[in-house]
């Protein structure tokens, strides 16, 4: 009887694997496994948090200039600085961030 105890445990499946499952596959899993709990592991939580500043930068770039980042665009130039801890930035890097955020008033309104 003890060997079958695992069958009574709530079923958990990973919400993200090596790639991002499509919404359709997640919906299919949810339809077939109503009692399953969607979970994220620590690696993917950190990855999602690390990707967020880039996603926001891309959206602001598109909304304010109407195109993807280009070499001379202030937000494109700071894309790698956005991932760094503010305590690790040099004075010059801090100034570059400040200049990029104040380069266009629209950057502050998005």
PDB file of N, CA and C in Angstrom:
ATOM      1  N   UNK A   1       0.825  -1.194   0.000  1.00  0.00           N
ATOM      2  CA  UNK A   1       0.000   0.000   0.000  1.00  0.00           C
ATOM      3  C   UNK A   1       0.871   1.261   0.000  1.00  0.00           C
ATOM      4  N   UNK A   2       1.998   1.231   0.693  1.00  0.00           N
ATOM      5  CA  UNK A   2       2.853   2.416   0.771  1.00  0.00           C
ATOM      6  C   UNK A   2       3.444   2.777  -0.588  1.00  0.00           C
ATOM      7  N   UNK A   3       3.625   1.769  -1.442  1.00  0.00           N
ATOM      8  CA  UNK A   3       4.213   2.047  -2.742  1.00  0.00           C
ATOM      9  C   UNK A   3       3.272   2.857  -3.631  1.00  0.00           C
ATOM     10  N   UNK A   4       2.015   2.813  -3.376  1.00  0.00           N
ATOM     11  CA  UNK A   4       1.053   3.545  -4.198  1.00  0.00           C
ATOM     12  C   UNK A   4       0.645   4.879  -3.576  1.00  0.00           C
ATOM     13  N   UNK A   5       1.248   5.246  -2.499  1.00  0.00           N
ATOM     14  CA  UNK A   5       0.896   6.500  -1.828  1.00  0.00           C
ATOM     15  C   UNK A   5       1.171   7.710  -2.712  1.00  0.00           C
ATOM     16  N   UNK A   6       2.166   7.621  -3.589  1.00  0.00           N
ATOM     17  CA  UNK A   6       2.499   8.746  -4.454  1.00  0.00           C
ATOM     18  C   UNK A   6       1.341   9.118  -5.371  1.00  0.00           C
ATOM     19  N   UNK A   7       0.462   8.175  -5.641  1.00  0.00           N
ATOM     20  CA  UNK A   7      -0.675   8.458  -6.528  1.00  0.00           C
ATOM     21  C   UNK A   7      -1.669   9.416  -5.889  1.00  0.00           C
ATOM     22  N   UNK A   8      -1.650   9.531  -4.607  1.00  0.00           N
ATOM     23  CA  UNK A   8      -2.574  10.440  -3.918  1.00  0.00           C
ATOM     24  C   UNK A   8      -2.030  11.859  -3.821  1.00  0.00           C
ATOM     25  N   UNK A   9      -0.750  12.016  -4.112  1.00  0.00           N
ATOM     26  CA  UNK A   9      -0.152  13.338  -4.036  1.00  0.00           C
ATOM     27  C   UNK A   9      -0.667  14.213  -5.176  1.00  0.00           C
ATOM     28  N   UNK A  10      -0.806  15.539  -4.943  1.00  0.00           N
ATOM     29  CA  UNK A  10      -1.257  16.410  -6.027  1.00  0.00           C
ATOM     30  C   UNK A  10      -0.245  16.403  -7.169  1.00  0.00           C
ATOM     31  N   UNK A  11      -0.730  16.332  -8.386  1.00  0.00           N
ATOM     32  CA  UNK A  11       0.122  16.297  -9.559  1.00  0.00           C
ATOM     33  C   UNK A  11       0.624  17.702  -9.874  1.00  0.00           C
ATOM     34  N   UNK A  12       1.930  17.819 -10.103  1.00  0.00           N
ATOM     35  CA  UNK A  12       2.536  19.098 -10.466  1.00  0.00           C
ATOM     36  C   UNK A  12       3.285  18.900 -11.767  1.00  0.00           C
ATOM     37  N   UNK A  13       3.173  19.854 -12.671  1.00  0.00           N
ATOM     38  CA  UNK A  13       3.929  19.796 -13.905  1.00  0.00           C
ATOM     39  C   UNK A  13       4.635  21.130 -14.090  1.00  0.00           C
ATOM     40  N   UNK A  14       5.784  21.126 -14.721  1.00  0.00           N
ATOM     41  CA  UNK A  14       6.503  22.397 -14.898  1.00  0.00           C
ATOM     42  C   UNK A  14       5.778  23.293 -15.888  1.00  0.00           C
ATOM     43  N   UNK A  15       5.682  24.569 -15.559  1.00  0.00           N
ATOM     44  CA  UNK A  15       5.027  25.537 -16.427  1.00  0.00           C
ATOM     45  C   UNK A  15       5.934  25.903 -17.588  1.00  0.00           C
ATOM     46  N   UNK A  16       7.252  25.877 -17.364  1.00  0.00           N
ATOM     47  CA  UNK A  16       8.223  26.194 -18.413  1.00  0.00           C
ATOM     48  C   UNK A  16       9.292  25.113 -18.401  1.00  0.00           C
ATOM     49  N   UNK A  17       9.712  24.739 -19.578  1.00  0.00           N
ATOM     50  CA  UNK A  17      10.782  23.762 -19.678  1.00  0.00           C
ATOM     51  C   UNK A  17      11.943  24.454 -20.385  1.00  0.00           C
ATOM     52  N   UNK A  18      12.703  23.743 -21.192  1.00  0.00           N
ATOM     53  CA  UNK A  18      13.840  24.355 -21.868  1.00  0.00           C
ATOM     54  C   UNK A  18      13.383  25.491 -22.769  1.00  0.00           C
ATOM     55  N   UNK A  19      12.186  25.424 -23.233  1.00  0.00           N
ATOM     56  CA  UNK A  19      11.620  26.507 -24.028  1.00  0.00           C
ATOM     57  C   UNK A  19      10.333  26.952 -23.383  1.00  0.00           C
ATOM     58  N   UNK A  20       9.654  27.868 -24.000  1.00  0.00           N
ATOM     59  CA  UNK A  20       8.388  28.327 -23.472  1.00  0.00           C
ATOM     60  C   UNK A  20       7.258  27.582 -24.174  1.00  0.00           C
ATOM     61  N   UNK A  21       6.462  26.824 -23.418  1.00  0.00           N
ATOM     62  CA  UNK A  21       5.371  26.120 -24.083  1.00  0.00           C
ATOM     63  C   UNK A  21       4.353  27.126 -24.615  1.00  0.00           C
ATOM     64  N   UNK A  22       3.749  26.782 -25.701  1.00  0.00           N
ATOM     65  CA  UNK A  22       2.757  27.687 -26.264  1.00  0.00           C
ATOM     66  C   UNK A  22       1.536  27.727 -25.365  1.00  0.00           C
ATOM     67  N   UNK A  23       0.760  28.767 -25.528  1.00  0.00           N
ATOM     68  CA  UNK A  23      -0.465  28.901 -24.737  1.00  0.00           C
ATOM     69  C   UNK A  23      -1.396  27.722 -25.039  1.00  0.00           C
ATOM     70  N   UNK A  24      -1.405  27.247 -26.296  1.00  0.00           N
ATOM     71  CA  UNK A  24      -2.267  26.123 -26.659  1.00  0.00           C
ATOM     72  C   UNK A  24      -1.884  24.860 -25.909  1.00  0.00           C
ATOM     73  N   UNK A  25      -0.554  24.589 -25.802  1.00  0.00           N
ATOM     74  CA  UNK A  25      -0.145  23.382 -25.094  1.00  0.00           C
ATOM     75  C   UNK A  25      -0.453  23.495 -23.610  1.00  0.00           C
ATOM     76  N   UNK A  26      -0.295  24.692 -23.049  1.00  0.00           N
ATOM     77  CA  UNK A  26      -0.639  24.885 -21.635  1.00  0.00           C
ATOM     78  C   UNK A  26      -2.148  24.684 -21.435  1.00  0.00           C
ATOM     79  N   UNK A  27      -2.953  25.214 -22.349  1.00  0.00           N
ATOM     80  CA  UNK A  27      -4.402  25.022 -22.251  1.00  0.00           C
ATOM     81  C   UNK A  27      -4.781  23.552 -22.378  1.00  0.00           C
ATOM     82  N   UNK A  28      -4.106  22.829 -23.268  1.00  0.00           N
ATOM     83  CA  UNK A  28      -4.379  21.402 -23.430  1.00  0.00           C
ATOM     84  C   UNK A  28      -4.037  20.641 -22.157  1.00  0.00           C
ATOM     85  N   UNK A  29      -2.913  20.969 -21.548  1.00  0.00           N
ATOM     86  CA  UNK A  29      -2.531  20.319 -20.289  1.00  0.00           C
ATOM     87  C   UNK A  29      -3.556  20.649 -19.209  1.00  0.00           C
ATOM     88  N   UNK A  30      -3.961  21.918 -19.134  1.00  0.00           N
ATOM     89  CA  UNK A  30      -4.948  22.316 -18.130  1.00  0.00           C
ATOM     90  C   UNK A  30      -6.281  21.595 -18.332  1.00  0.00           C
ATOM     91  N   UNK A  31      -6.684  21.392 -19.595  1.00  0.00           N
ATOM     92  CA  UNK A  31      -7.940  20.688 -19.880  1.00  0.00           C
ATOM     93  C   UNK A  31      -7.885  19.229 -19.461  1.00  0.00           C
ATOM     94  N   UNK A  32      -6.740  18.582 -19.671  1.00  0.00           N
ATOM     95  CA  UNK A  32      -6.613  17.157 -19.382  1.00  0.00           C
ATOM     96  C   UNK A  32      -6.263  16.876 -17.922  1.00  0.00           C
ATOM     97  N   UNK A  33      -5.598  17.796 -17.266  1.00  0.00           N
ATOM     98  CA  UNK A  33      -5.144  17.590 -15.880  1.00  0.00           C
ATOM     99  C   UNK A  33      -5.676  18.715 -14.990  1.00  0.00           C
ATOM    100  N   UNK A  34      -6.965  18.707 -14.743  1.00  0.00           N
ATOM    101  CA  UNK A  34      -7.602  19.782 -13.984  1.00  0.00           C
ATOM    102  C   UNK A  34      -7.038  19.947 -12.573  1.00  0.00           C
ATOM    103  N   UNK A  35      -6.566  18.862 -11.975  1.00  0.00           N
ATOM    104  CA  UNK A  35      -6.075  18.914 -10.598  1.00  0.00           C
ATOM    105  C   UNK A  35      -4.593  19.276 -10.515  1.00  0.00           C
ATOM    106  N   UNK A  36      -3.943  19.422 -11.649  1.00  0.00           N
ATOM    107  CA  UNK A  36      -2.507  19.721 -11.650  1.00  0.00           C
ATOM    108  C   UNK A  36      -2.261  21.181 -11.259  1.00  0.00           C
ATOM    109  N   UNK A  37      -1.144  21.408 -10.603  1.00  0.00           N
ATOM    110  CA  UNK A  37      -0.731  22.750 -10.211  1.00  0.00           C
ATOM    111  C   UNK A  37       0.443  23.173 -11.081  1.00  0.00           C
ATOM    112  N   UNK A  38       0.324  24.325 -11.704  1.00  0.00           N
ATOM    113  CA  UNK A  38       1.407  24.851 -12.530  1.00  0.00           C
ATOM    114  C   UNK A  38       2.486  25.427 -11.619  1.00  0.00           C
ATOM    115  N   UNK A  39       3.752  25.059 -11.861  1.00  0.00           N
ATOM    116  CA  UNK A  39       4.853  25.540 -11.023  1.00  0.00           C
ATOM    117  C   UNK A  39       5.981  26.074 -11.894  1.00  0.00           C
ATOM    118  N   UNK A  40       6.759  26.960 -11.336  1.00  0.00           N
ATOM    119  CA  UNK A  40       7.974  27.463 -11.967  1.00  0.00           C
ATOM    120  C   UNK A  40       9.145  27.129 -11.070  1.00  0.00           C
ATOM    121  N   UNK A  41      10.256  26.728 -11.673  1.00  0.00           N
ATOM    122  CA  UNK A  41      11.435  26.471 -10.860  1.00  0.00           C
ATOM    123  C   UNK A  41      12.230  27.771 -10.711  1.00  0.00           C
ATOM    124  N   UNK A  42      13.157  27.775  -9.794  1.00  0.00           N
ATOM    125  CA  UNK A  42      13.916  28.989  -9.470  1.00  0.00           C
ATOM    126  C   UNK A  42      14.683  29.526 -10.674  1.00  0.00           C
ATOM    127  N   UNK A  43      15.261  28.645 -11.490  1.00  0.00           N
ATOM    128  CA  UNK A  43      16.015  29.095 -12.660  1.00  0.00           C
ATOM    129  C   UNK A  43      15.137  29.928 -13.583  1.00  0.00           C
ATOM    130  N   UNK A  44      13.919  29.443 -13.874  1.00  0.00           N
ATOM    131  CA  UNK A  44      13.057  30.154 -14.805  1.00  0.00           C
ATOM    132  C   UNK A  44      12.479  31.431 -14.200  1.00  0.00           C
ATOM    133  N   UNK A  45      12.294  31.462 -12.903  1.00  0.00           N
ATOM    134  CA  UNK A  45      11.843  32.704 -12.257  1.00  0.00           C
ATOM    135  C   UNK A  45      12.912  33.780 -12.412  1.00  0.00           C
ATOM    136  N   UNK A  46      14.164  33.422 -12.159  1.00  0.00           N
ATOM    137  CA  UNK A  46      15.265  34.380 -12.309  1.00  0.00           C
ATOM    138  C   UNK A  46      15.408  34.795 -13.770  1.00  0.00           C
ATOM    139  N   UNK A  47      15.249  33.854 -14.687  1.00  0.00           N
ATOM    140  CA  UNK A  47      15.338  34.176 -16.121  1.00  0.00           C
ATOM    141  C   UNK A  47      14.238  35.154 -16.528  1.00  0.00           C
ATOM    142  N   UNK A  48      13.018  34.911 -16.084  1.00  0.00           N
ATOM    143  CA  UNK A  48      11.923  35.828 -16.405  1.00  0.00           C
ATOM    144  C   UNK A  48      12.182  37.217 -15.832  1.00  0.00           C
ATOM    145  N   UNK A  49      12.691  37.278 -14.607  1.00  0.00           N
ATOM    146  CA  UNK A  49      13.003  38.574 -13.998  1.00  0.00           C
ATOM    147  C   UNK A  49      14.129  39.276 -14.748  1.00  0.00           C
ATOM    148  N   UNK A  50      15.108  38.513 -15.212  1.00  0.00           N
ATOM    149  CA  UNK A  50      16.213  39.103 -15.962  1.00  0.00           C
ATOM    150  C   UNK A  50      15.809  39.577 -17.345  1.00  0.00           C
ATOM    151  N   UNK A  51      14.817  38.931 -17.942  1.00  0.00           N
ATOM    152  CA  UNK A  51      14.349  39.324 -19.266  1.00  0.00           C
ATOM    153  C   UNK A  51      13.424  40.531 -19.237  1.00  0.00           C
ATOM    154  N   UNK A  52      12.807  40.812 -18.102  1.00  0.00           N
ATOM    155  CA  UNK A  52      11.813  41.878 -18.009  1.00  0.00           C
ATOM    156  C   UNK A  52      12.349  43.262 -18.399  1.00  0.00           C
ATOM    157  N   UNK A  53      13.520  43.700 -17.913  1.00  0.00           N
ATOM    158  CA  UNK A  53      13.996  45.036 -18.320  1.00  0.00           C
ATOM    159  C   UNK A  53      14.185  45.165 -19.834  1.00  0.00           C
ATOM    160  N   UNK A  54      14.644  44.117 -20.484  1.00  0.00           N
ATOM    161  CA  UNK A  54      14.808  44.158 -21.940  1.00  0.00           C
ATOM    162  C   UNK A  54      13.475  44.256 -22.655  1.00  0.00           C
ATOM    163  N   UNK A  55      12.483  43.525 -22.152  1.00  0.00           N
ATOM    164  CA  UNK A  55      11.151  43.590 -22.746  1.00  0.00           C
ATOM    165  C   UNK A  55      10.577  45.000 -22.608  1.00  0.00           C
ATOM    166  N   UNK A  56      10.717  45.576 -21.433  1.00  0.00           N
ATOM    167  CA  UNK A  56      10.211  46.944 -21.216  1.00  0.00           C
ATOM    168  C   UNK A  56      10.956  47.924 -22.121  1.00  0.00           C
ATOM    169  N   UNK A  57      12.281  47.782 -22.208  1.00  0.00           N
ATOM    170  CA  UNK A  57      13.065  48.679 -23.060  1.00  0.00           C
ATOM    171  C   UNK A  57      12.611  48.584 -24.504  1.00  0.00           C
ATOM    172  N   UNK A  58      12.373  47.369 -24.986  1.00  0.00           N
ATOM    173  CA  UNK A  58      11.929  47.190 -26.379  1.00  0.00           C
ATOM    174  C   UNK A  58      10.564  47.829 -26.611  1.00  0.00           C
ATOM    175  N   UNK A  59       9.644  47.675 -25.650  1.00  0.00           N
ATOM    176  CA  UNK A  59       8.323  48.273 -25.806  1.00  0.00           C
ATOM    177  C   UNK A  59       8.393  49.801 -25.801  1.00  0.00           C
ATOM    178  N   UNK A  60       9.167  50.352 -24.885  1.00  0.00           N
ATOM    179  CA  UNK A  60       9.310  51.812 -24.834  1.00  0.00           C
ATOM    180  C   UNK A  60       9.969  52.314 -26.106  1.00  0.00           C
ATOM    181  N   UNK A  61      10.990  51.614 -26.570  1.00  0.00           N
ATOM    182  CA  UNK A  61      11.677  51.976 -27.819  1.00  0.00           C
ATOM    183  C   UNK A  61      10.677  52.008 -28.974  1.00  0.00           C
ATOM    184  N   UNK A  62       9.874  50.967 -29.087  1.00  0.00           N
ATOM    185  CA  UNK A  62       8.901  50.875 -30.178  1.00  0.00           C
ATOM    186  C   UNK A  62       7.834  51.956 -30.055  1.00  0.00           C
ATOM    187  N   UNK A  63       7.343  52.206 -28.829  1.00  0.00           N
ATOM    188  CA  UNK A  63       6.298  53.202 -28.625  1.00  0.00           C
ATOM    189  C   UNK A  63       6.783  54.623 -28.879  1.00  0.00           C
ATOM    190  N   UNK A  64       8.012  54.926 -28.500  1.00  0.00           N
ATOM    191  CA  UNK A  64       8.498  56.302 -28.630  1.00  0.00           C
ATOM    192  C   UNK A  64       9.082  56.606 -29.999  1.00  0.00           C
ATOM    193  N   UNK A  65       9.789  55.646 -30.606  1.00  0.00           N
ATOM    194  CA  UNK A  65      10.445  55.917 -31.884  1.00  0.00           C
ATOM    195  C   UNK A  65       9.835  55.170 -33.061  1.00  0.00           C
ATOM    196  N   UNK A  66       9.000  54.189 -32.780  1.00  0.00           N
ATOM    197  CA  UNK A  66       8.328  53.469 -33.846  1.00  0.00           C
ATOM    198  C   UNK A  66       9.182  52.449 -34.578  1.00  0.00           C
ATOM    199  N   UNK A  67      10.327  52.105 -34.034  1.00  0.00           N
ATOM    200  CA  UNK A  67      11.181  51.096 -34.663  1.00  0.00           C
ATOM    201  C   UNK A  67      12.009  50.394 -33.607  1.00  0.00           C
ATOM    202  N   UNK A  68      12.636  49.288 -34.020  1.00  0.00           N
ATOM    203  CA  UNK A  68      13.523  48.562 -33.120  1.00  0.00           C
ATOM    204  C   UNK A  68      14.750  49.402 -32.809  1.00  0.00           C
ATOM    205  N   UNK A  69      15.470  49.014 -31.770  1.00  0.00           N
ATOM    206  CA  UNK A  69      16.658  49.749 -31.368  1.00  0.00           C
ATOM    207  C   UNK A  69      17.727  49.780 -32.441  1.00  0.00           C
ATOM    208  N   UNK A  70      18.328  50.946 -32.601  1.00  0.00           N
ATOM    209  CA  UNK A  70      19.421  51.112 -33.557  1.00  0.00           C
ATOM    210  C   UNK A  70      20.629  51.646 -32.828  1.00  0.00           C
ATOM    211  N   UNK A  71      21.750  51.576 -33.481  1.00  0.00           N
ATOM    212  CA  UNK A  71      23.038  51.896 -32.869  1.00  0.00           C
ATOM    213  C   UNK A  71      23.041  53.215 -32.092  1.00  0.00           C
ATOM    214  N   UNK A  72      22.475  54.266 -32.623  1.00  0.00           N
ATOM    215  CA  UNK A  72      22.534  55.570 -31.973  1.00  0.00           C
ATOM    216  C   UNK A  72      21.412  55.868 -30.997  1.00  0.00           C
ATOM    217  N   UNK A  73      20.450  54.962 -30.839  1.00  0.00           N
ATOM    218  CA  UNK A  73      19.318  55.200 -29.945  1.00  0.00           C
ATOM    219  C   UNK A  73      19.747  55.067 -28.488  1.00  0.00           C
ATOM    220  N   UNK A  74      19.374  56.049 -27.649  1.00  0.00           N
ATOM    221  CA  UNK A  74      19.806  56.015 -26.240  1.00  0.00           C
ATOM    222  C   UNK A  74      19.405  54.743 -25.503  1.00  0.00           C
ATOM    223  N   UNK A  75      18.177  54.279 -25.694  1.00  0.00           N
ATOM    224  CA  UNK A  75      17.738  53.079 -24.977  1.00  0.00           C
ATOM    225  C   UNK A  75      18.457  51.834 -25.467  1.00  0.00           C
ATOM    226  N   UNK A  76      18.778  51.781 -26.744  1.00  0.00           N
ATOM    227  CA  UNK A  76      19.501  50.622 -27.279  1.00  0.00           C
ATOM    228  C   UNK A  76      20.925  50.582 -26.726  1.00  0.00           C
ATOM    229  N   UNK A  77      21.516  51.749 -26.534  1.00  0.00           N
ATOM    230  CA  UNK A  77      22.893  51.810 -26.051  1.00  0.00           C
ATOM    231  C   UNK A  77      23.034  51.337 -24.605  1.00  0.00           C
ATOM    232  N   UNK A  78      21.953  51.381 -23.834  1.00  0.00           N
ATOM    233  CA  UNK A  78      22.046  50.992 -22.414  1.00  0.00           C
ATOM    234  C   UNK A  78      21.470  49.603 -22.143  1.00  0.00           C
ATOM    235  N   UNK A  79      21.173  48.834 -23.182  1.00  0.00           N
ATOM    236  CA  UNK A  79      20.497  47.553 -22.993  1.00  0.00           C
ATOM    237  C   UNK A  79      21.228  46.625 -22.035  1.00  0.00           C
ATOM    238  N   UNK A  80      22.559  46.605 -22.054  1.00  0.00           N
ATOM    239  CA  UNK A  80      23.303  45.728 -21.141  1.00  0.00           C
ATOM    240  C   UNK A  80      23.402  46.313 -19.735  1.00  0.00           C
ATOM    241  N   UNK A  81      23.373  47.628 -19.632  1.00  0.00           N
ATOM    242  CA  UNK A  81      23.428  48.255 -18.304  1.00  0.00           C
ATOM    243  C   UNK A  81      22.164  47.978 -17.496  1.00  0.00           C
ATOM    244  N   UNK A  82      21.047  47.767 -18.170  1.00  0.00           N
ATOM    245  CA  UNK A  82      19.788  47.531 -17.469  1.00  0.00           C
ATOM    246  C   UNK A  82      19.794  46.237 -16.676  1.00  0.00           C
ATOM    247  N   UNK A  83      20.656  45.306 -17.027  1.00  0.00           N
ATOM    248  CA  UNK A  83      20.729  44.027 -16.318  1.00  0.00           C
ATOM    249  C   UNK A  83      21.670  44.071 -15.120  1.00  0.00           C
ATOM    250  N   UNK A  84      22.480  45.092 -15.025  1.00  0.00           N
ATOM    251  CA  UNK A  84      23.491  45.154 -13.971  1.00  0.00           C
ATOM    252  C   UNK A  84      22.897  45.695 -12.677  1.00  0.00           C
ATOM    253  N   UNK A  85      23.465  45.280 -11.585  1.00  0.00           N
ATOM    254  CA  UNK A  85      23.079  45.830 -10.287  1.00  0.00           C
ATOM    255  C   UNK A  85      23.538  47.283 -10.211  1.00  0.00           C
ATOM    256  N   UNK A  86      22.685  48.149  -9.687  1.00  0.00           N
ATOM    257  CA  UNK A  86      23.052  49.571  -9.643  1.00  0.00           C
ATOM    258  C   UNK A  86      24.274  49.804  -8.761  1.00  0.00           C
ATOM    259  N   UNK A  87      24.530  48.932  -7.821  1.00  0.00           N
ATOM    260  CA  UNK A  87      25.688  49.080  -6.936  1.00  0.00           C
ATOM    261  C   UNK A  87      26.998  48.734  -7.641  1.00  0.00           C
ATOM    262  N   UNK A  88      26.905  48.047  -8.759  1.00  0.00           N
ATOM    263  CA  UNK A  88      28.102  47.664  -9.502  1.00  0.00           C
ATOM    264  C   UNK A  88      28.402  48.604 -10.668  1.00  0.00           C
ATOM    265  N   UNK A  89      27.542  49.568 -10.912  1.00  0.00           N
ATOM    266  CA  UNK A  89      27.751  50.493 -12.030  1.00  0.00           C
ATOM    267  C   UNK A  89      28.801  51.543 -11.679  1.00  0.00           C
ATOM    268  N   UNK A  90      29.631  51.858 -12.654  1.00  0.00           N
ATOM    269  CA  UNK A  90      30.602  52.936 -12.462  1.00  0.00           C
ATOM    270  C   UNK A  90      29.872  54.274 -12.576  1.00  0.00           C
ATOM    271  N   UNK A  91      30.528  55.345 -12.224  1.00  0.00           N
ATOM    272  CA  UNK A  91      29.934  56.685 -12.343  1.00  0.00           C
ATOM    273  C   UNK A  91      29.555  56.968 -13.798  1.00  0.00           C
ATOM    274  N   UNK A  92      30.433  56.561 -14.722  1.00  0.00           N
ATOM    275  CA  UNK A  92      30.168  56.792 -16.143  1.00  0.00           C
ATOM    276  C   UNK A  92      28.920  56.019 -16.598  1.00  0.00           C
ATOM    277  N   UNK A  93      28.778  54.785 -16.148  1.00  0.00           N
ATOM    278  CA  UNK A  93      27.607  53.982 -16.511  1.00  0.00           C
ATOM    279  C   UNK A  93      26.335  54.582 -15.919  1.00  0.00           C
ATOM    280  N   UNK A  94      26.428  55.093 -14.691  1.00  0.00           N
ATOM    281  CA  UNK A  94      25.268  55.742 -14.076  1.00  0.00           C
ATOM    282  C   UNK A  94      24.852  56.973 -14.874  1.00  0.00           C
ATOM    283  N   UNK A  95      25.833  57.729 -15.345  1.00  0.00           N
ATOM    284  CA  UNK A  95      25.541  58.915 -16.161  1.00  0.00           C
ATOM    285  C   UNK A  95      24.910  58.514 -17.491  1.00  0.00           C
ATOM    286  N   UNK A  96      25.388  57.433 -18.095  1.00  0.00           N
ATOM    287  CA  UNK A  96      24.802  56.952 -19.351  1.00  0.00           C
ATOM    288  C   UNK A  96      23.345  56.561 -19.158  1.00  0.00           C
ATOM    289  N   UNK A  97      23.044  55.888 -18.060  1.00  0.00           N
ATOM    290  CA  UNK A  97      21.653  55.536 -17.766  1.00  0.00           C
ATOM    291  C   UNK A  97      20.801  56.785 -17.588  1.00  0.00           C
ATOM    292  N   UNK A  98      21.302  57.716 -16.791  1.00  0.00           N
ATOM    293  CA  UNK A  98      20.561  58.954 -16.531  1.00  0.00           C
ATOM    294  C   UNK A  98      20.308  59.708 -17.834  1.00  0.00           C
ATOM    295  N   UNK A  99      21.317  59.791 -18.684  1.00  0.00           N
ATOM    296  CA  UNK A  99      21.183  60.508 -19.955  1.00  0.00           C
ATOM    297  C   UNK A  99      20.164  59.807 -20.870  1.00  0.00           C
ATOM    298  N   UNK A 100      20.156  58.489 -20.873  1.00  0.00           N
ATOM    299  CA  UNK A 100      19.213  57.757 -21.720  1.00  0.00           C
ATOM    300  C   UNK A 100      17.772  57.964 -21.255  1.00  0.00           C
ATOM    301  N   UNK A 101      17.562  57.971 -19.944  1.00  0.00           N
ATOM    302  CA  UNK A 101      16.205  58.134 -19.429  1.00  0.00           C
ATOM    303  C   UNK A 101      15.691  59.559 -19.612  1.00  0.00           C
ATOM    304  N   UNK A 102      16.578  60.523 -19.623  1.00  0.00           N
ATOM    305  CA  UNK A 102      16.152  61.914 -19.780  1.00  0.00           C
ATOM    306  C   UNK A 102      16.262  62.407 -21.213  1.00  0.00           C
ATOM    307  N   UNK A 103      16.713  61.554 -22.144  1.00  0.00           N
ATOM    308  CA  UNK A 103      16.888  61.967 -23.542  1.00  0.00           C
ATOM    309  C   UNK A 103      15.567  62.313 -24.208  1.00  0.00           C
ATOM    310  N   UNK A 104      14.497  61.683 -23.786  1.00  0.00           N
ATOM    311  CA  UNK A 104      13.190  61.925 -24.392  1.00  0.00           C
ATOM    312  C   UNK A 104      12.150  61.899 -23.282  1.00  0.00           C
ATOM    313  N   UNK A 105      11.306  62.910 -23.240  1.00  0.00           N
ATOM    314  CA  UNK A 105      10.280  62.998 -22.204  1.00  0.00           C
ATOM    315  C   UNK A 105       9.347  61.773 -22.257  1.00  0.00           C
ATOM    316  N   UNK A 106       9.162  61.220 -23.443  1.00  0.00           N
ATOM    317  CA  UNK A 106       8.285  60.057 -23.605  1.00  0.00           C
ATOM    318  C   UNK A 106       8.823  58.823 -22.873  1.00  0.00           C
ATOM    319  N   UNK A 107      10.119  58.754 -22.634  1.00  0.00           N
ATOM    320  CA  UNK A 107      10.684  57.618 -21.908  1.00  0.00           C
ATOM    321  C   UNK A 107      10.120  57.553 -20.488  1.00  0.00           C
ATOM    322  N   UNK A 108       9.776  58.671 -19.925  1.00  0.00           N
ATOM    323  CA  UNK A 108       9.274  58.723 -18.557  1.00  0.00           C
ATOM    324  C   UNK A 108       7.779  58.478 -18.469  1.00  0.00           C
ATOM    325  N   UNK A 109       7.067  58.583 -19.604  1.00  0.00           N
ATOM    326  CA  UNK A 109       5.599  58.454 -19.552  1.00  0.00           C
ATOM    327  C   UNK A 109       5.094  57.074 -19.913  1.00  0.00           C
ATOM    328  N   UNK A 110       5.949  56.200 -20.390  1.00  0.00           N
ATOM    329  CA  UNK A 110       5.484  54.850 -20.798  1.00  0.00           C
ATOM    330  C   UNK A 110       5.335  53.937 -19.619  1.00  0.00           C
TER     331      UNK A 110
END
